[in-house]
Protein backbone atom coordinates (compact mmCIF):
# COMPACT_ATOMS: atom_id res chain seq x y z
CA UNK A 1 0.00 0.00 0.00
CA UNK A 2 1.43 3.37 -1.07
CA UNK A 3 0.29 6.58 0.58
CA UNK A 4 0.87 10.21 -0.30
CA UNK A 5 -0.14 12.91 2.17
CA UNK A 6 -0.58 16.52 1.19
CA UNK A 7 -1.23 19.39 3.58
CA UNK A 8 -1.88 22.92 2.40
CA UNK A 9 -2.93 26.20 3.94
CA UNK A 10 -6.62 26.95 3.57
CA UNK A 11 -6.25 29.21 0.56
CA UNK A 12 -8.39 28.76 -2.57
CA UNK A 13 -5.34 29.00 -4.85
CA UNK A 14 -3.95 25.76 -3.37
CA UNK A 15 -6.99 23.71 -4.44
CA UNK A 16 -5.70 23.54 -8.02
CA UNK A 17 -2.41 22.06 -6.80
CA UNK A 18 -4.29 19.41 -4.79
CA UNK A 19 -6.31 18.51 -7.89
CA UNK A 20 -3.16 18.12 -10.01
CA UNK A 21 -1.41 16.00 -7.37
CA UNK A 22 -4.49 13.79 -6.95
CA UNK A 23 -4.76 13.20 -10.71
CA UNK A 24 -1.06 12.37 -11.00
CA UNK A 25 -1.12 9.93 -8.09
CA UNK A 26 -4.38 8.36 -9.34
CA UNK A 27 -2.87 7.85 -12.81
CA UNK A 28 0.24 6.24 -11.30
CA UNK A 29 -1.94 4.00 -9.08
CA UNK A 30 -3.82 2.65 -12.11
CA UNK A 31 -7.10 4.55 -12.11
CA UNK A 32 -8.56 4.42 -15.63
CA UNK A 33 -7.83 7.46 -17.81
CA UNK A 34 -11.57 7.96 -18.40
CA UNK A 35 -12.08 8.44 -14.64
CA UNK A 36 -9.26 10.93 -14.01
CA UNK A 37 -11.45 13.97 -14.75
CA UNK A 38 -13.91 12.74 -12.14
CA UNK A 39 -11.07 12.36 -9.63
CA UNK A 40 -9.89 15.92 -10.35
CA UNK A 41 -13.37 17.40 -10.04
CA UNK A 42 -14.27 15.48 -6.87
CA UNK A 43 -11.00 16.42 -5.16
CA UNK A 44 -11.49 20.03 -6.20
CA UNK A 45 -14.97 20.10 -4.68
CA UNK A 46 -13.86 18.39 -1.47
CA UNK A 47 -10.82 20.65 -1.05
CA UNK A 48 -12.84 23.79 -1.82
CA UNK A 49 -15.33 22.75 0.83
CA UNK A 50 -12.56 22.16 3.40
CA UNK A 51 -10.94 25.52 2.56
CA UNK A 52 -14.30 27.26 2.96
CA UNK A 53 -14.91 25.57 6.31
CA UNK A 54 -11.47 26.54 7.62
CA UNK A 55 -11.75 30.13 6.43
CA UNK A 56 -15.34 30.49 7.62
CA UNK A 57 -14.38 29.28 11.09
CA UNK A 58 -11.13 31.26 11.34
CA UNK A 59 -8.87 28.20 11.43
CA UNK A 60 -5.23 28.43 10.37
CA UNK A 61 -4.68 24.66 10.40
CA UNK A 62 -3.86 23.10 7.02
CA UNK A 63 -6.31 21.10 4.93
CA UNK A 64 -5.27 17.43 4.76
CA UNK A 65 -5.42 15.22 1.67
CA UNK A 66 -4.39 11.55 1.92
CA UNK A 67 -4.10 9.52 -1.30
CA UNK A 68 -3.81 5.76 -0.86
CA UNK A 69 -3.10 3.13 -3.49
CA UNK A 70 -4.29 -0.23 -2.21
CA UNK A 71 -4.43 -3.54 -4.07
CA UNK A 72 -7.77 -3.04 -5.84
CA UNK A 73 -8.83 0.47 -4.89
CA UNK A 74 -7.51 4.02 -4.91
CA UNK A 75 -8.82 6.23 -2.12
CA UNK A 76 -8.61 9.90 -1.31
CA UNK A 77 -9.48 11.45 2.03
CA UNK A 78 -9.91 15.19 2.34
CA UNK A 79 -10.03 16.35 5.93
CA UNK A 80 -10.80 19.58 7.70
CA UNK A 81 -10.28 20.42 11.36
CA UNK A 82 -13.63 22.08 12.01
CA UNK A 83 -15.17 20.22 14.95
CA UNK A 84 -18.75 19.12 14.78
CA UNK A 85 -21.09 16.83 16.64
CA UNK A 86 -20.01 13.20 16.36
CA UNK A 87 -22.79 11.16 14.87
CA UNK A 88 -24.54 14.34 13.73
CA UNK A 89 -25.32 15.14 10.14
CA UNK A 90 -22.20 14.68 8.03
CA UNK A 91 -22.33 18.21 6.70
CA UNK A 92 -23.24 19.93 9.99
CA UNK A 93 -20.64 22.43 11.10
CA UNK A 94 -21.28 24.94 13.89
CA UNK A 95 -21.10 28.56 12.79
CA UNK A 96 -20.70 27.72 9.11
CA UNK A 97 -23.64 25.56 8.04
CA UNK A 98 -26.36 28.09 8.81
CA UNK A 99 -24.97 30.42 6.14
CA UNK A 100 -24.23 27.61 3.72
CA UNK A 101 -27.67 26.06 4.03
CA UNK A 102 -29.29 29.36 3.04
CA UNK A 103 -27.82 29.27 -0.44
CA UNK A 104 -27.28 25.51 -0.67
CA UNK A 105 -23.55 25.87 -1.44
CA UNK A 106 -22.45 23.13 0.95
CA UNK A 107 -25.16 20.68 -0.05
CA UNK A 108 -24.47 21.38 -3.71
CA UNK A 109 -20.76 20.58 -3.27
CA UNK A 110 -21.57 17.29 -1.54
CA UNK A 111 -24.13 16.47 -4.24
CA UNK A 112 -21.53 17.09 -6.95
CA UNK A 113 -19.06 14.80 -5.19
CA UNK A 114 -21.72 12.10 -4.77
CA UNK A 115 -22.54 12.38 -8.48
CA UNK A 116 -18.90 11.96 -9.45
CA UNK A 117 -17.90 9.19 -7.03
CA UNK A 118 -19.82 5.94 -6.54
CA UNK A 119 -18.10 5.14 -3.24
CA UNK A 120 -18.10 8.23 -1.01
CA UNK A 121 -18.40 8.63 2.75
CA UNK A 122 -18.73 11.92 4.63
CA UNK A 123 -18.10 11.96 8.38
CA UNK A 124 -17.82 14.65 11.04
CA UNK A 125 -16.61 14.39 14.61
CA UNK A 126 -14.95 16.30 17.42
CA UNK A 127 -11.65 16.55 15.54
CA UNK A 128 -13.11 17.61 12.19
CA UNK A 129 -14.65 16.18 9.07
CA UNK A 130 -13.51 13.82 6.34
CA UNK A 131 -14.71 13.12 2.85
CA UNK A 132 -13.48 9.67 1.81
CA UNK A 133 -13.72 8.77 -1.88
CA UNK A 134 -12.76 5.45 -3.51
CA UNK A 135 -12.27 4.34 -7.11
CA UNK A 136 -11.51 0.82 -8.41
CA UNK A 137 -8.10 0.38 -9.99
CA UNK A 138 -7.83 -0.61 -13.64
CA UNK A 139 -8.16 -4.38 -13.89
CA UNK A 140 -9.57 -4.77 -10.35
CA UNK A 141 -13.06 -5.58 -11.68
CA UNK A 142 -11.74 -8.30 -13.98
CA UNK A 143 -9.70 -9.85 -11.18
CA UNK A 144 -12.78 -10.51 -9.01
C-alpha atoms as a PDB file:
ATOM      1  CA  UNK A   1       0.000   0.000   0.000  1.00  0.00           C
ATOM      2  CA  UNK A   2       1.431   3.368  -1.068  1.00  0.00           C
ATOM      3  CA  UNK A   3       0.286   6.577   0.585  1.00  0.00           C
ATOM      4  CA  UNK A   4       0.867  10.215  -0.303  1.00  0.00           C
ATOM      5  CA  UNK A   5      -0.135  12.906   2.169  1.00  0.00           C
ATOM      6  CA  UNK A   6      -0.579  16.520   1.188  1.00  0.00           C
ATOM      7  CA  UNK A   7      -1.229  19.393   3.583  1.00  0.00           C
ATOM      8  CA  UNK A   8      -1.879  22.916   2.401  1.00  0.00           C
ATOM      9  CA  UNK A   9      -2.931  26.195   3.940  1.00  0.00           C
ATOM     10  CA  UNK A  10      -6.622  26.946   3.571  1.00  0.00           C
ATOM     11  CA  UNK A  11      -6.249  29.209   0.565  1.00  0.00           C
ATOM     12  CA  UNK A  12      -8.385  28.765  -2.571  1.00  0.00           C
ATOM     13  CA  UNK A  13      -5.339  29.005  -4.846  1.00  0.00           C
ATOM     14  CA  UNK A  14      -3.954  25.764  -3.372  1.00  0.00           C
ATOM     15  CA  UNK A  15      -6.987  23.713  -4.438  1.00  0.00           C
ATOM     16  CA  UNK A  16      -5.697  23.537  -8.017  1.00  0.00           C
ATOM     17  CA  UNK A  17      -2.413  22.058  -6.804  1.00  0.00           C
ATOM     18  CA  UNK A  18      -4.289  19.415  -4.787  1.00  0.00           C
ATOM     19  CA  UNK A  19      -6.308  18.508  -7.894  1.00  0.00           C
ATOM     20  CA  UNK A  20      -3.159  18.122 -10.005  1.00  0.00           C
ATOM     21  CA  UNK A  21      -1.411  16.002  -7.369  1.00  0.00           C
ATOM     22  CA  UNK A  22      -4.495  13.795  -6.951  1.00  0.00           C
ATOM     23  CA  UNK A  23      -4.756  13.201 -10.706  1.00  0.00           C
ATOM     24  CA  UNK A  24      -1.056  12.370 -11.001  1.00  0.00           C
ATOM     25  CA  UNK A  25      -1.124   9.929  -8.089  1.00  0.00           C
ATOM     26  CA  UNK A  26      -4.380   8.364  -9.345  1.00  0.00           C
ATOM     27  CA  UNK A  27      -2.872   7.850 -12.807  1.00  0.00           C
ATOM     28  CA  UNK A  28       0.242   6.238 -11.305  1.00  0.00           C
ATOM     29  CA  UNK A  29      -1.937   4.002  -9.085  1.00  0.00           C
ATOM     30  CA  UNK A  30      -3.815   2.649 -12.107  1.00  0.00           C
ATOM     31  CA  UNK A  31      -7.095   4.549 -12.108  1.00  0.00           C
ATOM     32  CA  UNK A  32      -8.557   4.418 -15.626  1.00  0.00           C
ATOM     33  CA  UNK A  33      -7.833   7.457 -17.806  1.00  0.00           C
ATOM     34  CA  UNK A  34     -11.566   7.964 -18.403  1.00  0.00           C
ATOM     35  CA  UNK A  35     -12.081   8.441 -14.635  1.00  0.00           C
ATOM     36  CA  UNK A  36      -9.259  10.930 -14.008  1.00  0.00           C
ATOM     37  CA  UNK A  37     -11.446  13.966 -14.748  1.00  0.00           C
ATOM     38  CA  UNK A  38     -13.913  12.739 -12.136  1.00  0.00           C
ATOM     39  CA  UNK A  39     -11.067  12.360  -9.632  1.00  0.00           C
ATOM     40  CA  UNK A  40      -9.889  15.920 -10.347  1.00  0.00           C
ATOM     41  CA  UNK A  41     -13.373  17.398 -10.037  1.00  0.00           C
ATOM     42  CA  UNK A  42     -14.270  15.478  -6.869  1.00  0.00           C
ATOM     43  CA  UNK A  43     -11.001  16.417  -5.161  1.00  0.00           C
ATOM     44  CA  UNK A  44     -11.489  20.027  -6.201  1.00  0.00           C
ATOM     45  CA  UNK A  45     -14.974  20.096  -4.678  1.00  0.00           C
ATOM     46  CA  UNK A  46     -13.859  18.387  -1.466  1.00  0.00           C
ATOM     47  CA  UNK A  47     -10.822  20.648  -1.051  1.00  0.00           C
ATOM     48  CA  UNK A  48     -12.836  23.794  -1.819  1.00  0.00           C
ATOM     49  CA  UNK A  49     -15.327  22.748   0.830  1.00  0.00           C
ATOM     50  CA  UNK A  50     -12.559  22.164   3.397  1.00  0.00           C
ATOM     51  CA  UNK A  51     -10.942  25.518   2.555  1.00  0.00           C
ATOM     52  CA  UNK A  52     -14.302  27.258   2.963  1.00  0.00           C
ATOM     53  CA  UNK A  53     -14.912  25.571   6.305  1.00  0.00           C
ATOM     54  CA  UNK A  54     -11.472  26.538   7.618  1.00  0.00           C
ATOM     55  CA  UNK A  55     -11.747  30.131   6.426  1.00  0.00           C
ATOM     56  CA  UNK A  56     -15.336  30.492   7.618  1.00  0.00           C
ATOM     57  CA  UNK A  57     -14.378  29.281  11.087  1.00  0.00           C
ATOM     58  CA  UNK A  58     -11.134  31.261  11.342  1.00  0.00           C
ATOM     59  CA  UNK A  59      -8.866  28.197  11.432  1.00  0.00           C
ATOM     60  CA  UNK A  60      -5.233  28.434  10.366  1.00  0.00           C
ATOM     61  CA  UNK A  61      -4.676  24.661  10.403  1.00  0.00           C
ATOM     62  CA  UNK A  62      -3.862  23.097   7.024  1.00  0.00           C
ATOM     63  CA  UNK A  63      -6.311  21.098   4.927  1.00  0.00           C
ATOM     64  CA  UNK A  64      -5.270  17.427   4.756  1.00  0.00           C
ATOM     65  CA  UNK A  65      -5.416  15.223   1.673  1.00  0.00           C
ATOM     66  CA  UNK A  66      -4.391  11.553   1.920  1.00  0.00           C
ATOM     67  CA  UNK A  67      -4.098   9.518  -1.296  1.00  0.00           C
ATOM     68  CA  UNK A  68      -3.812   5.759  -0.858  1.00  0.00           C
ATOM     69  CA  UNK A  69      -3.096   3.130  -3.488  1.00  0.00           C
ATOM     70  CA  UNK A  70      -4.293  -0.235  -2.210  1.00  0.00           C
ATOM     71  CA  UNK A  71      -4.425  -3.545  -4.069  1.00  0.00           C
ATOM     72  CA  UNK A  72      -7.771  -3.041  -5.836  1.00  0.00           C
ATOM     73  CA  UNK A  73      -8.833   0.472  -4.886  1.00  0.00           C
ATOM     74  CA  UNK A  74      -7.510   4.019  -4.913  1.00  0.00           C
ATOM     75  CA  UNK A  75      -8.816   6.232  -2.124  1.00  0.00           C
ATOM     76  CA  UNK A  76      -8.611   9.904  -1.314  1.00  0.00           C
ATOM     77  CA  UNK A  77      -9.482  11.452   2.034  1.00  0.00           C
ATOM     78  CA  UNK A  78      -9.914  15.192   2.337  1.00  0.00           C
ATOM     79  CA  UNK A  79     -10.026  16.345   5.930  1.00  0.00           C
ATOM     80  CA  UNK A  80     -10.800  19.577   7.697  1.00  0.00           C
ATOM     81  CA  UNK A  81     -10.276  20.416  11.356  1.00  0.00           C
ATOM     82  CA  UNK A  82     -13.628  22.078  12.007  1.00  0.00           C
ATOM     83  CA  UNK A  83     -15.169  20.219  14.954  1.00  0.00           C
ATOM     84  CA  UNK A  84     -18.753  19.123  14.783  1.00  0.00           C
ATOM     85  CA  UNK A  85     -21.091  16.827  16.635  1.00  0.00           C
ATOM     86  CA  UNK A  86     -20.011  13.200  16.363  1.00  0.00           C
ATOM     87  CA  UNK A  87     -22.795  11.157  14.868  1.00  0.00           C
ATOM     88  CA  UNK A  88     -24.541  14.342  13.733  1.00  0.00           C
ATOM     89  CA  UNK A  89     -25.318  15.143  10.141  1.00  0.00           C
ATOM     90  CA  UNK A  90     -22.201  14.680   8.033  1.00  0.00           C
ATOM     91  CA  UNK A  91     -22.335  18.208   6.702  1.00  0.00           C
ATOM     92  CA  UNK A  92     -23.236  19.925   9.991  1.00  0.00           C
ATOM     93  CA  UNK A  93     -20.638  22.433  11.102  1.00  0.00           C
ATOM     94  CA  UNK A  94     -21.276  24.942  13.888  1.00  0.00           C
ATOM     95  CA  UNK A  95     -21.101  28.560  12.795  1.00  0.00           C
ATOM     96  CA  UNK A  96     -20.704  27.718   9.111  1.00  0.00           C
ATOM     97  CA  UNK A  97     -23.635  25.565   8.038  1.00  0.00           C
ATOM     98  CA  UNK A  98     -26.357  28.095   8.806  1.00  0.00           C
ATOM     99  CA  UNK A  99     -24.974  30.423   6.139  1.00  0.00           C
ATOM    100  CA  UNK A 100     -24.232  27.607   3.716  1.00  0.00           C
ATOM    101  CA  UNK A 101     -27.668  26.062   4.033  1.00  0.00           C
ATOM    102  CA  UNK A 102     -29.291  29.361   3.042  1.00  0.00           C
ATOM    103  CA  UNK A 103     -27.817  29.267  -0.437  1.00  0.00           C
ATOM    104  CA  UNK A 104     -27.279  25.512  -0.672  1.00  0.00           C
ATOM    105  CA  UNK A 105     -23.549  25.873  -1.436  1.00  0.00           C
ATOM    106  CA  UNK A 106     -22.445  23.133   0.952  1.00  0.00           C
ATOM    107  CA  UNK A 107     -25.156  20.679  -0.049  1.00  0.00           C
ATOM    108  CA  UNK A 108     -24.472  21.383  -3.714  1.00  0.00           C
ATOM    109  CA  UNK A 109     -20.762  20.577  -3.275  1.00  0.00           C
ATOM    110  CA  UNK A 110     -21.571  17.294  -1.539  1.00  0.00           C
ATOM    111  CA  UNK A 111     -24.129  16.475  -4.241  1.00  0.00           C
ATOM    112  CA  UNK A 112     -21.528  17.095  -6.955  1.00  0.00           C
ATOM    113  CA  UNK A 113     -19.058  14.797  -5.191  1.00  0.00           C
ATOM    114  CA  UNK A 114     -21.724  12.096  -4.774  1.00  0.00           C
ATOM    115  CA  UNK A 115     -22.541  12.378  -8.476  1.00  0.00           C
ATOM    116  CA  UNK A 116     -18.895  11.956  -9.453  1.00  0.00           C
ATOM    117  CA  UNK A 117     -17.898   9.190  -7.026  1.00  0.00           C
ATOM    118  CA  UNK A 118     -19.822   5.942  -6.542  1.00  0.00           C
ATOM    119  CA  UNK A 119     -18.100   5.136  -3.242  1.00  0.00           C
ATOM    120  CA  UNK A 120     -18.099   8.233  -1.006  1.00  0.00           C
ATOM    121  CA  UNK A 121     -18.395   8.631   2.752  1.00  0.00           C
ATOM    122  CA  UNK A 122     -18.729  11.920   4.634  1.00  0.00           C
ATOM    123  CA  UNK A 123     -18.101  11.964   8.376  1.00  0.00           C
ATOM    124  CA  UNK A 124     -17.816  14.654  11.037  1.00  0.00           C
ATOM    125  CA  UNK A 125     -16.607  14.391  14.609  1.00  0.00           C
ATOM    126  CA  UNK A 126     -14.946  16.298  17.416  1.00  0.00           C
ATOM    127  CA  UNK A 127     -11.646  16.545  15.545  1.00  0.00           C
ATOM    128  CA  UNK A 128     -13.107  17.611  12.190  1.00  0.00           C
ATOM    129  CA  UNK A 129     -14.653  16.178   9.071  1.00  0.00           C
ATOM    130  CA  UNK A 130     -13.514  13.817   6.343  1.00  0.00           C
ATOM    131  CA  UNK A 131     -14.713  13.124   2.845  1.00  0.00           C
ATOM    132  CA  UNK A 132     -13.478   9.671   1.809  1.00  0.00           C
ATOM    133  CA  UNK A 133     -13.721   8.772  -1.881  1.00  0.00           C
ATOM    134  CA  UNK A 134     -12.763   5.448  -3.507  1.00  0.00           C
ATOM    135  CA  UNK A 135     -12.267   4.335  -7.108  1.00  0.00           C
ATOM    136  CA  UNK A 136     -11.508   0.824  -8.411  1.00  0.00           C
ATOM    137  CA  UNK A 137      -8.105   0.378  -9.994  1.00  0.00           C
ATOM    138  CA  UNK A 138      -7.827  -0.610 -13.642  1.00  0.00           C
ATOM    139  CA  UNK A 139      -8.159  -4.376 -13.886  1.00  0.00           C
ATOM    140  CA  UNK A 140      -9.569  -4.774 -10.353  1.00  0.00           C
ATOM    141  CA  UNK A 141     -13.057  -5.585 -11.676  1.00  0.00           C
ATOM    142  CA  UNK A 142     -11.736  -8.296 -13.983  1.00  0.00           C
ATOM    143  CA  UNK A 143      -9.699  -9.852 -11.179  1.00  0.00           C
ATOM    144  CA  UNK A 144     -12.775 -10.509  -9.011  1.00  0.00           C
END
